[in-house]
Amino acid sequence: MFDELVVEQYRLTFHKENLHLLKVLRGSGALTVKNLERIRVANRRREREYALVGKSPLVAELDGRVMGMLQDSIRMQ
Protein backbone atom coordinates (compact mmCIF):
# COMPACT_ATOMS: atom_id res chain seq x y z
CA MET A 1 0.00 0.00 0.00
CA PHE A 2 2.91 2.35 0.72
CA ASP A 3 4.15 1.91 -2.86
CA GLU A 4 0.72 2.83 -4.21
CA LEU A 5 0.62 5.97 -2.06
CA VAL A 6 4.10 7.00 -3.18
CA VAL A 7 3.19 6.48 -6.83
CA GLU A 8 -0.02 8.47 -6.42
CA GLN A 9 1.86 11.25 -4.61
CA TYR A 10 4.41 11.37 -7.44
CA ARG A 11 1.68 11.38 -10.09
CA LEU A 12 -0.12 14.30 -8.46
CA THR A 13 2.93 16.32 -7.46
CA PHE A 14 5.00 15.84 -10.60
CA HIS A 15 2.31 15.56 -13.26
CA LYS A 16 4.44 16.59 -16.26
CA GLU A 17 7.36 14.41 -15.18
CA ASN A 18 5.00 11.46 -14.73
CA LEU A 19 3.64 11.88 -18.27
CA HIS A 20 7.20 12.09 -19.60
CA LEU A 21 8.17 8.95 -17.67
CA LEU A 22 5.24 7.02 -19.17
CA LYS A 23 6.23 8.23 -22.63
CA VAL A 24 9.85 7.13 -22.14
CA LEU A 25 8.79 3.73 -20.76
CA ARG A 26 6.45 3.23 -23.71
CA GLY A 27 9.15 4.23 -26.17
CA SER A 28 11.66 1.84 -24.62
CA GLY A 29 9.21 -1.06 -24.77
CA ALA A 30 8.98 -1.39 -20.98
CA LEU A 31 5.25 -0.59 -21.17
CA THR A 32 2.95 -2.23 -23.67
CA VAL A 33 0.08 -0.32 -25.24
CA LYS A 34 -2.34 -2.44 -23.20
CA ASN A 35 -0.59 -1.66 -19.89
CA LEU A 36 -0.36 2.03 -20.74
CA GLU A 37 -4.09 2.11 -21.41
CA ARG A 38 -4.74 0.39 -18.06
CA ILE A 39 -2.71 3.10 -16.34
CA ARG A 40 -4.63 5.84 -18.15
CA VAL A 41 -8.01 4.30 -17.25
CA ALA A 42 -6.98 4.01 -13.58
CA ASN A 43 -5.76 7.63 -13.57
CA ARG A 44 -9.01 8.90 -15.11
CA ARG A 45 -11.03 6.92 -12.55
CA ARG A 46 -9.02 8.36 -9.66
CA GLU A 47 -9.34 11.89 -11.04
CA ARG A 48 -13.13 11.55 -11.17
CA GLU A 49 -13.35 10.08 -7.68
CA TYR A 50 -11.00 12.49 -5.92
CA ALA A 51 -10.44 16.20 -6.17
CA LEU A 52 -7.53 18.15 -4.75
CA VAL A 53 -8.40 20.82 -2.23
CA GLY A 54 -6.28 23.30 -0.40
CA LYS A 55 -3.58 21.58 1.63
CA SER A 56 -4.00 21.54 5.36
CA PRO A 57 -0.86 21.86 7.50
CA LEU A 58 -1.27 18.23 8.58
CA VAL A 59 -1.42 16.99 4.96
CA ALA A 60 1.60 19.15 4.06
CA GLU A 61 3.54 17.61 6.96
CA LEU A 62 2.52 14.10 5.91
CA ASP A 63 3.55 14.81 2.29
CA GLY A 64 6.92 16.02 3.52
CA ARG A 65 7.45 12.88 5.58
CA VAL A 66 6.45 10.58 2.70
CA MET A 67 8.76 12.40 0.30
CA GLY A 68 11.57 12.21 2.88
CA MET A 69 11.05 8.47 3.30
CA LEU A 70 11.05 8.04 -0.47
CA GLN A 71 14.30 9.96 -0.83
CA ASP A 72 15.89 7.94 2.00
CA SER A 73 14.75 4.73 0.30
CA ILE A 74 16.27 5.82 -3.01
CA ARG A 75 19.58 6.74 -1.36
CA MET A 76 19.78 3.32 0.34
CA GLN A 77 19.53 1.49 -2.99
PDB file of N, CA and C in Angstrom:
ATOM      1  N   MET A   1       0.821  -1.190   0.000  1.00  0.00           N
ATOM      2  CA  MET A   1       0.000   0.000   0.000  1.00  0.00           C
ATOM      3  C   MET A   1       0.872   1.263   0.000  1.00  0.00           C
ATOM      4  N   PHE A   2       2.010   1.206   0.696  1.00  0.00           N
ATOM      5  CA  PHE A   2       2.911   2.355   0.722  1.00  0.00           C
ATOM      6  C   PHE A   2       3.370   2.704  -0.689  1.00  0.00           C
ATOM      7  N   ASP A   3       3.705   1.674  -1.481  1.00  0.00           N
ATOM      8  CA  ASP A   3       4.146   1.908  -2.859  1.00  0.00           C
ATOM      9  C   ASP A   3       3.069   2.621  -3.659  1.00  0.00           C
ATOM     10  N   GLU A   4       1.818   2.200  -3.486  1.00  0.00           N
ATOM     11  CA  GLU A   4       0.721   2.833  -4.213  1.00  0.00           C
ATOM     12  C   GLU A   4       0.575   4.296  -3.818  1.00  0.00           C
ATOM     13  N   LEU A   5       0.725   4.585  -2.526  1.00  0.00           N
ATOM     14  CA  LEU A   5       0.622   5.965  -2.062  1.00  0.00           C
ATOM     15  C   LEU A   5       1.759   6.826  -2.613  1.00  0.00           C
ATOM     16  N   VAL A   6       2.949   6.261  -2.651  1.00  0.00           N
ATOM     17  CA  VAL A   6       4.096   7.002  -3.184  1.00  0.00           C
ATOM     18  C   VAL A   6       3.895   7.284  -4.671  1.00  0.00           C
ATOM     19  N   VAL A   7       3.428   6.289  -5.402  1.00  0.00           N
ATOM     20  CA  VAL A   7       3.192   6.480  -6.833  1.00  0.00           C
ATOM     21  C   VAL A   7       2.120   7.538  -7.053  1.00  0.00           C
ATOM     22  N   GLU A   8       1.054   7.493  -6.282  1.00  0.00           N
ATOM     23  CA  GLU A   8      -0.019   8.475  -6.425  1.00  0.00           C
ATOM     24  C   GLU A   8       0.488   9.870  -6.056  1.00  0.00           C
ATOM     25  N   GLN A   9       1.281   9.956  -5.001  1.00  0.00           N
ATOM     26  CA  GLN A   9       1.857  11.245  -4.606  1.00  0.00           C
ATOM     27  C   GLN A   9       2.725  11.802  -5.728  1.00  0.00           C
ATOM     28  N   TYR A  10       3.548  10.954  -6.321  1.00  0.00           N
ATOM     29  CA  TYR A  10       4.408  11.373  -7.437  1.00  0.00           C
ATOM     30  C   TYR A  10       3.559  11.828  -8.628  1.00  0.00           C
ATOM     31  N   ARG A  11       2.528  11.052  -8.942  1.00  0.00           N
ATOM     32  CA  ARG A  11       1.676  11.375 -10.091  1.00  0.00           C
ATOM     33  C   ARG A  11       1.004  12.738  -9.916  1.00  0.00           C
ATOM     34  N   LEU A  12       0.556  13.031  -8.709  1.00  0.00           N
ATOM     35  CA  LEU A  12      -0.124  14.298  -8.461  1.00  0.00           C
ATOM     36  C   LEU A  12       0.845  15.469  -8.341  1.00  0.00           C
ATOM     37  N   THR A  13       1.976  15.234  -7.707  1.00  0.00           N
ATOM     38  CA  THR A  13       2.927  16.315  -7.460  1.00  0.00           C
ATOM     39  C   THR A  13       3.740  16.663  -8.706  1.00  0.00           C
ATOM     40  N   PHE A  14       4.148  15.638  -9.435  1.00  0.00           N
ATOM     41  CA  PHE A  14       5.005  15.840 -10.605  1.00  0.00           C
ATOM     42  C   PHE A  14       4.280  15.348 -11.855  1.00  0.00           C
ATOM     43  N   HIS A  15       3.176  16.011 -12.183  1.00  0.00           N
ATOM     44  CA  HIS A  15       2.309  15.557 -13.263  1.00  0.00           C
ATOM     45  C   HIS A  15       3.041  15.494 -14.610  1.00  0.00           C
ATOM     46  N   LYS A  16       3.750  16.558 -14.962  1.00  0.00           N
ATOM     47  CA  LYS A  16       4.439  16.587 -16.263  1.00  0.00           C
ATOM     48  C   LYS A  16       5.546  15.529 -16.322  1.00  0.00           C
ATOM     49  N   GLU A  17       6.287  15.395 -15.221  1.00  0.00           N
ATOM     50  CA  GLU A  17       7.358  14.407 -15.179  1.00  0.00           C
ATOM     51  C   GLU A  17       6.803  12.992 -15.291  1.00  0.00           C
ATOM     52  N   ASN A  18       5.641  12.771 -14.671  1.00  0.00           N
ATOM     53  CA  ASN A  18       5.001  11.458 -14.735  1.00  0.00           C
ATOM     54  C   ASN A  18       4.598  11.129 -16.169  1.00  0.00           C
ATOM     55  N   LEU A  19       4.016  12.099 -16.873  1.00  0.00           N
ATOM     56  CA  LEU A  19       3.639  11.876 -18.272  1.00  0.00           C
ATOM     57  C   LEU A  19       4.872  11.586 -19.120  1.00  0.00           C
ATOM     58  N   HIS A  20       5.955  12.315 -18.863  1.00  0.00           N
ATOM     59  CA  HIS A  20       7.201  12.088 -19.603  1.00  0.00           C
ATOM     60  C   HIS A  20       7.748  10.687 -19.309  1.00  0.00           C
ATOM     61  N   LEU A  21       7.707  10.281 -18.048  1.00  0.00           N
ATOM     62  CA  LEU A  21       8.175   8.947 -17.667  1.00  0.00           C
ATOM     63  C   LEU A  21       7.386   7.859 -18.396  1.00  0.00           C
ATOM     64  N   LEU A  22       6.071   8.000 -18.450  1.00  0.00           N
ATOM     65  CA  LEU A  22       5.245   7.021 -19.167  1.00  0.00           C
ATOM     66  C   LEU A  22       5.608   6.983 -20.647  1.00  0.00           C
ATOM     67  N   LYS A  23       5.857   8.160 -21.220  1.00  0.00           N
ATOM     68  CA  LYS A  23       6.230   8.232 -22.632  1.00  0.00           C
ATOM     69  C   LYS A  23       7.567   7.524 -22.879  1.00  0.00           C
ATOM     70  N   VAL A  24       8.532   7.755 -22.003  1.00  0.00           N
ATOM     71  CA  VAL A  24       9.845   7.125 -22.136  1.00  0.00           C
ATOM     72  C   VAL A  24       9.733   5.612 -21.971  1.00  0.00           C
ATOM     73  N   LEU A  25       8.964   5.171 -20.973  1.00  0.00           N
ATOM     74  CA  LEU A  25       8.786   3.731 -20.761  1.00  0.00           C
ATOM     75  C   LEU A  25       8.102   3.079 -21.952  1.00  0.00           C
ATOM     76  N   ARG A  26       7.140   3.761 -22.536  1.00  0.00           N
ATOM     77  CA  ARG A  26       6.453   3.228 -23.713  1.00  0.00           C
ATOM     78  C   ARG A  26       7.420   3.148 -24.895  1.00  0.00           C
ATOM     79  N   GLY A  27       8.195   4.198 -25.067  1.00  0.00           N
ATOM     80  CA  GLY A  27       9.151   4.231 -26.170  1.00  0.00           C
ATOM     81  C   GLY A  27      10.232   3.177 -26.056  1.00  0.00           C
ATOM     82  N   SER A  28      10.605   2.836 -24.831  1.00  0.00           N
ATOM     83  CA  SER A  28      11.656   1.837 -24.620  1.00  0.00           C
ATOM     84  C   SER A  28      11.119   0.412 -24.690  1.00  0.00           C
ATOM     85  N   GLY A  29       9.803   0.271 -24.724  1.00  0.00           N
ATOM     86  CA  GLY A  29       9.206  -1.056 -24.771  1.00  0.00           C
ATOM     87  C   GLY A  29       8.928  -1.647 -23.400  1.00  0.00           C
ATOM     88  N   ALA A  30       9.228  -0.891 -22.342  1.00  0.00           N
ATOM     89  CA  ALA A  30       8.980  -1.389 -20.983  1.00  0.00           C
ATOM     90  C   ALA A  30       7.485  -1.430 -20.668  1.00  0.00           C
ATOM     91  N   LEU A  31       6.702  -0.600 -21.347  1.00  0.00           N
ATOM     92  CA  LEU A  31       5.247  -0.594 -21.174  1.00  0.00           C
ATOM     93  C   LEU A  31       4.597  -0.952 -22.502  1.00  0.00           C
ATOM     94  N   THR A  32       3.695  -1.900 -22.463  1.00  0.00           N
ATOM     95  CA  THR A  32       2.948  -2.233 -23.674  1.00  0.00           C
ATOM     96  C   THR A  32       1.786  -1.249 -23.819  1.00  0.00           C
ATOM     97  N   VAL A  33       1.232  -1.198 -24.991  1.00  0.00           N
ATOM     98  CA  VAL A  33       0.076  -0.322 -25.240  1.00  0.00           C
ATOM     99  C   VAL A  33      -1.062  -0.691 -24.295  1.00  0.00           C
ATOM    100  N   LYS A  34      -1.260  -1.975 -24.074  1.00  0.00           N
ATOM    101  CA  LYS A  34      -2.336  -2.443 -23.199  1.00  0.00           C
ATOM    102  C   LYS A  34      -2.108  -1.977 -21.756  1.00  0.00           C
ATOM    103  N   ASN A  35      -0.879  -2.102 -21.257  1.00  0.00           N
ATOM    104  CA  ASN A  35      -0.585  -1.661 -19.894  1.00  0.00           C
ATOM    105  C   ASN A  35      -0.697  -0.151 -19.754  1.00  0.00           C
ATOM    106  N   LEU A  36      -0.252   0.579 -20.769  1.00  0.00           N
ATOM    107  CA  LEU A  36      -0.356   2.029 -20.737  1.00  0.00           C
ATOM    108  C   LEU A  36      -1.821   2.457 -20.695  1.00  0.00           C
ATOM    109  N   GLU A  37      -2.662   1.792 -21.432  1.00  0.00           N
ATOM    110  CA  GLU A  37      -4.090   2.111 -21.413  1.00  0.00           C
ATOM    111  C   GLU A  37      -4.695   1.789 -20.048  1.00  0.00           C
ATOM    112  N   ARG A  38      -4.263   0.709 -19.420  1.00  0.00           N
ATOM    113  CA  ARG A  38      -4.741   0.386 -18.063  1.00  0.00           C
ATOM    114  C   ARG A  38      -4.373   1.487 -17.080  1.00  0.00           C
ATOM    115  N   ILE A  39      -3.152   2.010 -17.205  1.00  0.00           N
ATOM    116  CA  ILE A  39      -2.708   3.100 -16.337  1.00  0.00           C
ATOM    117  C   ILE A  39      -3.561   4.335 -16.574  1.00  0.00           C
ATOM    118  N   ARG A  40      -3.817   4.659 -17.826  1.00  0.00           N
ATOM    119  CA  ARG A  40      -4.631   5.838 -18.153  1.00  0.00           C
ATOM    120  C   ARG A  40      -6.057   5.700 -17.622  1.00  0.00           C
ATOM    121  N   VAL A  41      -6.645   4.531 -17.754  1.00  0.00           N
ATOM    122  CA  VAL A  41      -8.005   4.298 -17.249  1.00  0.00           C
ATOM    123  C   VAL A  41      -8.031   4.465 -15.733  1.00  0.00           C
ATOM    124  N   ALA A  42      -7.045   3.893 -15.042  1.00  0.00           N
ATOM    125  CA  ALA A  42      -6.985   4.006 -13.577  1.00  0.00           C
ATOM    126  C   ALA A  42      -6.806   5.461 -13.168  1.00  0.00           C
ATOM    127  N   ASN A  43      -5.968   6.210 -13.888  1.00  0.00           N
ATOM    128  CA  ASN A  43      -5.764   7.626 -13.570  1.00  0.00           C
ATOM    129  C   ASN A  43      -7.038   8.431 -13.776  1.00  0.00           C
ATOM    130  N   ARG A  44      -7.747   8.181 -14.866  1.00  0.00           N
ATOM    131  CA  ARG A  44      -9.013   8.897 -15.112  1.00  0.00           C
ATOM    132  C   ARG A  44     -10.033   8.581 -14.026  1.00  0.00           C
ATOM    133  N   ARG A  45     -10.087   7.309 -13.605  1.00  0.00           N
ATOM    134  CA  ARG A  45     -11.029   6.921 -12.551  1.00  0.00           C
ATOM    135  C   ARG A  45     -10.702   7.648 -11.248  1.00  0.00           C
ATOM    136  N   ARG A  46      -9.414   7.679 -10.892  1.00  0.00           N
ATOM    137  CA  ARG A  46      -9.018   8.364  -9.660  1.00  0.00           C
ATOM    138  C   ARG A  46      -9.314   9.854  -9.741  1.00  0.00           C
ATOM    139  N   GLU A  47      -9.096  10.460 -10.897  1.00  0.00           N
ATOM    140  CA  GLU A  47      -9.342  11.889 -11.043  1.00  0.00           C
ATOM    141  C   GLU A  47     -10.826  12.225 -10.899  1.00  0.00           C
ATOM    142  N   ARG A  48     -11.691  11.324 -11.328  1.00  0.00           N
ATOM    143  CA  ARG A  48     -13.133  11.548 -11.166  1.00  0.00           C
ATOM    144  C   ARG A  48     -13.571  11.352  -9.726  1.00  0.00           C
ATOM    145  N   GLU A  49     -12.944  10.404  -9.045  1.00  0.00           N
ATOM    146  CA  GLU A  49     -13.352  10.079  -7.676  1.00  0.00           C
ATOM    147  C   GLU A  49     -12.806  11.059  -6.644  1.00  0.00           C
ATOM    148  N   TYR A  50     -11.658  11.640  -6.898  1.00  0.00           N
ATOM    149  CA  TYR A  50     -11.000  12.488  -5.924  1.00  0.00           C
ATOM    150  C   TYR A  50     -10.688  13.844  -6.534  1.00  0.00           C
ATOM    151  N   ALA A  51     -10.799  14.858  -5.733  1.00  0.00           N
ATOM    152  CA  ALA A  51     -10.444  16.204  -6.172  1.00  0.00           C
ATOM    153  C   ALA A  51      -9.471  16.793  -5.156  1.00  0.00           C
ATOM    154  N   LEU A  52      -8.474  17.498  -5.650  1.00  0.00           N
ATOM    155  CA  LEU A  52      -7.531  18.150  -4.751  1.00  0.00           C
ATOM    156  C   LEU A  52      -8.177  19.397  -4.169  1.00  0.00           C
ATOM    157  N   VAL A  53      -7.929  19.615  -2.908  1.00  0.00           N
ATOM    158  CA  VAL A  53      -8.397  20.821  -2.226  1.00  0.00           C
ATOM    159  C   VAL A  53      -7.174  21.493  -1.620  1.00  0.00           C
ATOM    160  N   GLY A  54      -7.394  22.622  -1.045  1.00  0.00           N
ATOM    161  CA  GLY A  54      -6.279  23.303  -0.396  1.00  0.00           C
ATOM    162  C   GLY A  54      -5.627  22.398   0.642  1.00  0.00           C
ATOM    163  N   LYS A  55      -4.311  22.453   0.710  1.00  0.00           N
ATOM    164  CA  LYS A  55      -3.576  21.581   1.630  1.00  0.00           C
ATOM    165  C   LYS A  55      -3.667  22.086   3.050  1.00  0.00           C
ATOM    166  N   SER A  56      -4.028  21.202   3.944  1.00  0.00           N
ATOM    167  CA  SER A  56      -3.995  21.539   5.357  1.00  0.00           C
ATOM    168  C   SER A  56      -2.564  21.378   5.857  1.00  0.00           C
ATOM    169  N   PRO A  57      -2.221  22.010   6.957  1.00  0.00           N
ATOM    170  CA  PRO A  57      -0.863  21.856   7.503  1.00  0.00           C
ATOM    171  C   PRO A  57      -0.527  20.391   7.809  1.00  0.00           C
ATOM    172  N   LEU A  58      -1.511  19.634   8.262  1.00  0.00           N
ATOM    173  CA  LEU A  58      -1.274  18.225   8.578  1.00  0.00           C
ATOM    174  C   LEU A  58      -0.942  17.431   7.316  1.00  0.00           C
ATOM    175  N   VAL A  59      -1.674  17.681   6.227  1.00  0.00           N
ATOM    176  CA  VAL A  59      -1.417  16.992   4.964  1.00  0.00           C
ATOM    177  C   VAL A  59      -0.053  17.407   4.422  1.00  0.00           C
ATOM    178  N   ALA A  60       0.295  18.675   4.528  1.00  0.00           N
ATOM    179  CA  ALA A  60       1.602  19.148   4.061  1.00  0.00           C
ATOM    180  C   ALA A  60       2.723  18.462   4.839  1.00  0.00           C
ATOM    181  N   GLU A  61       2.534  18.307   6.139  1.00  0.00           N
ATOM    182  CA  GLU A  61       3.542  17.611   6.957  1.00  0.00           C
ATOM    183  C   GLU A  61       3.657  16.152   6.538  1.00  0.00           C
ATOM    184  N   LEU A  62       2.526  15.494   6.333  1.00  0.00           N
ATOM    185  CA  LEU A  62       2.522  14.097   5.905  1.00  0.00           C
ATOM    186  C   LEU A  62       3.203  13.955   4.539  1.00  0.00           C
ATOM    187  N   ASP A  63       2.894  14.847   3.605  1.00  0.00           N
ATOM    188  CA  ASP A  63       3.545  14.813   2.293  1.00  0.00           C
ATOM    189  C   ASP A  63       5.055  14.928   2.429  1.00  0.00           C
ATOM    190  N   GLY A  64       5.494  15.840   3.297  1.00  0.00           N
ATOM    191  CA  GLY A  64       6.921  16.019   3.519  1.00  0.00           C
ATOM    192  C   GLY A  64       7.570  14.765   4.074  1.00  0.00           C
ATOM    193  N   ARG A  65       6.901  14.105   5.001  1.00  0.00           N
ATOM    194  CA  ARG A  65       7.451  12.879   5.579  1.00  0.00           C
ATOM    195  C   ARG A  65       7.514  11.749   4.550  1.00  0.00           C
ATOM    196  N   VAL A  66       6.465  11.625   3.734  1.00  0.00           N
ATOM    197  CA  VAL A  66       6.449  10.581   2.698  1.00  0.00           C
ATOM    198  C   VAL A  66       7.564  10.833   1.689  1.00  0.00           C
ATOM    199  N   MET A  67       7.714  12.081   1.254  1.00  0.00           N
ATOM    200  CA  MET A  67       8.765  12.399   0.299  1.00  0.00           C
ATOM    201  C   MET A  67      10.142  12.153   0.915  1.00  0.00           C
ATOM    202  N   GLY A  68      10.306  12.475   2.195  1.00  0.00           N
ATOM    203  CA  GLY A  68      11.571  12.212   2.876  1.00  0.00           C
ATOM    204  C   GLY A  68      11.878  10.726   2.947  1.00  0.00           C
ATOM    205  N   MET A  69      10.868   9.923   3.254  1.00  0.00           N
ATOM    206  CA  MET A  69      11.053   8.469   3.298  1.00  0.00           C
ATOM    207  C   MET A  69      11.400   7.933   1.919  1.00  0.00           C
ATOM    208  N   LEU A  70      10.767   8.464   0.898  1.00  0.00           N
ATOM    209  CA  LEU A  70      11.050   8.040  -0.472  1.00  0.00           C
ATOM    210  C   LEU A  70      12.490   8.370  -0.847  1.00  0.00           C
ATOM    211  N   GLN A  71      12.927   9.570  -0.518  1.00  0.00           N
ATOM    212  CA  GLN A  71      14.301   9.964  -0.829  1.00  0.00           C
ATOM    213  C   GLN A  71      15.305   9.107  -0.060  1.00  0.00           C
ATOM    214  N   ASP A  72      15.013   8.809   1.207  1.00  0.00           N
ATOM    215  CA  ASP A  72      15.886   7.938   1.997  1.00  0.00           C
ATOM    216  C   ASP A  72      15.956   6.545   1.375  1.00  0.00           C
ATOM    217  N   SER A  73      14.817   6.046   0.912  1.00  0.00           N
ATOM    218  CA  SER A  73      14.753   4.729   0.304  1.00  0.00           C
ATOM    219  C   SER A  73      15.585   4.686  -0.982  1.00  0.00           C
ATOM    220  N   ILE A  74      15.509   5.757  -1.757  1.00  0.00           N
ATOM    221  CA  ILE A  74      16.271   5.821  -3.012  1.00  0.00           C
ATOM    222  C   ILE A  74      17.766   5.870  -2.716  1.00  0.00           C
ATOM    223  N   ARG A  75      18.157   6.631  -1.701  1.00  0.00           N
ATOM    224  CA  ARG A  75      19.582   6.741  -1.357  1.00  0.00           C
ATOM    225  C   ARG A  75      20.138   5.422  -0.868  1.00  0.00           C
ATOM    226  N   MET A  76      19.316   4.597  -0.206  1.00  0.00           N
ATOM    227  CA  MET A  76      19.784   3.323   0.341  1.00  0.00           C
ATOM    228  C   MET A  76      20.014   2.288  -0.762  1.00  0.00           C
ATOM    229  N   GLN A  77      19.395   2.473  -1.905  1.00  0.00           N
ATOM    230  CA  GLN A  77      19.525   1.495  -2.987  1.00  0.00           C
ATOM    231  C   GLN A  77      20.772   1.707  -3.673  1.00  0.00           C
TER     232      GLN A  77
END
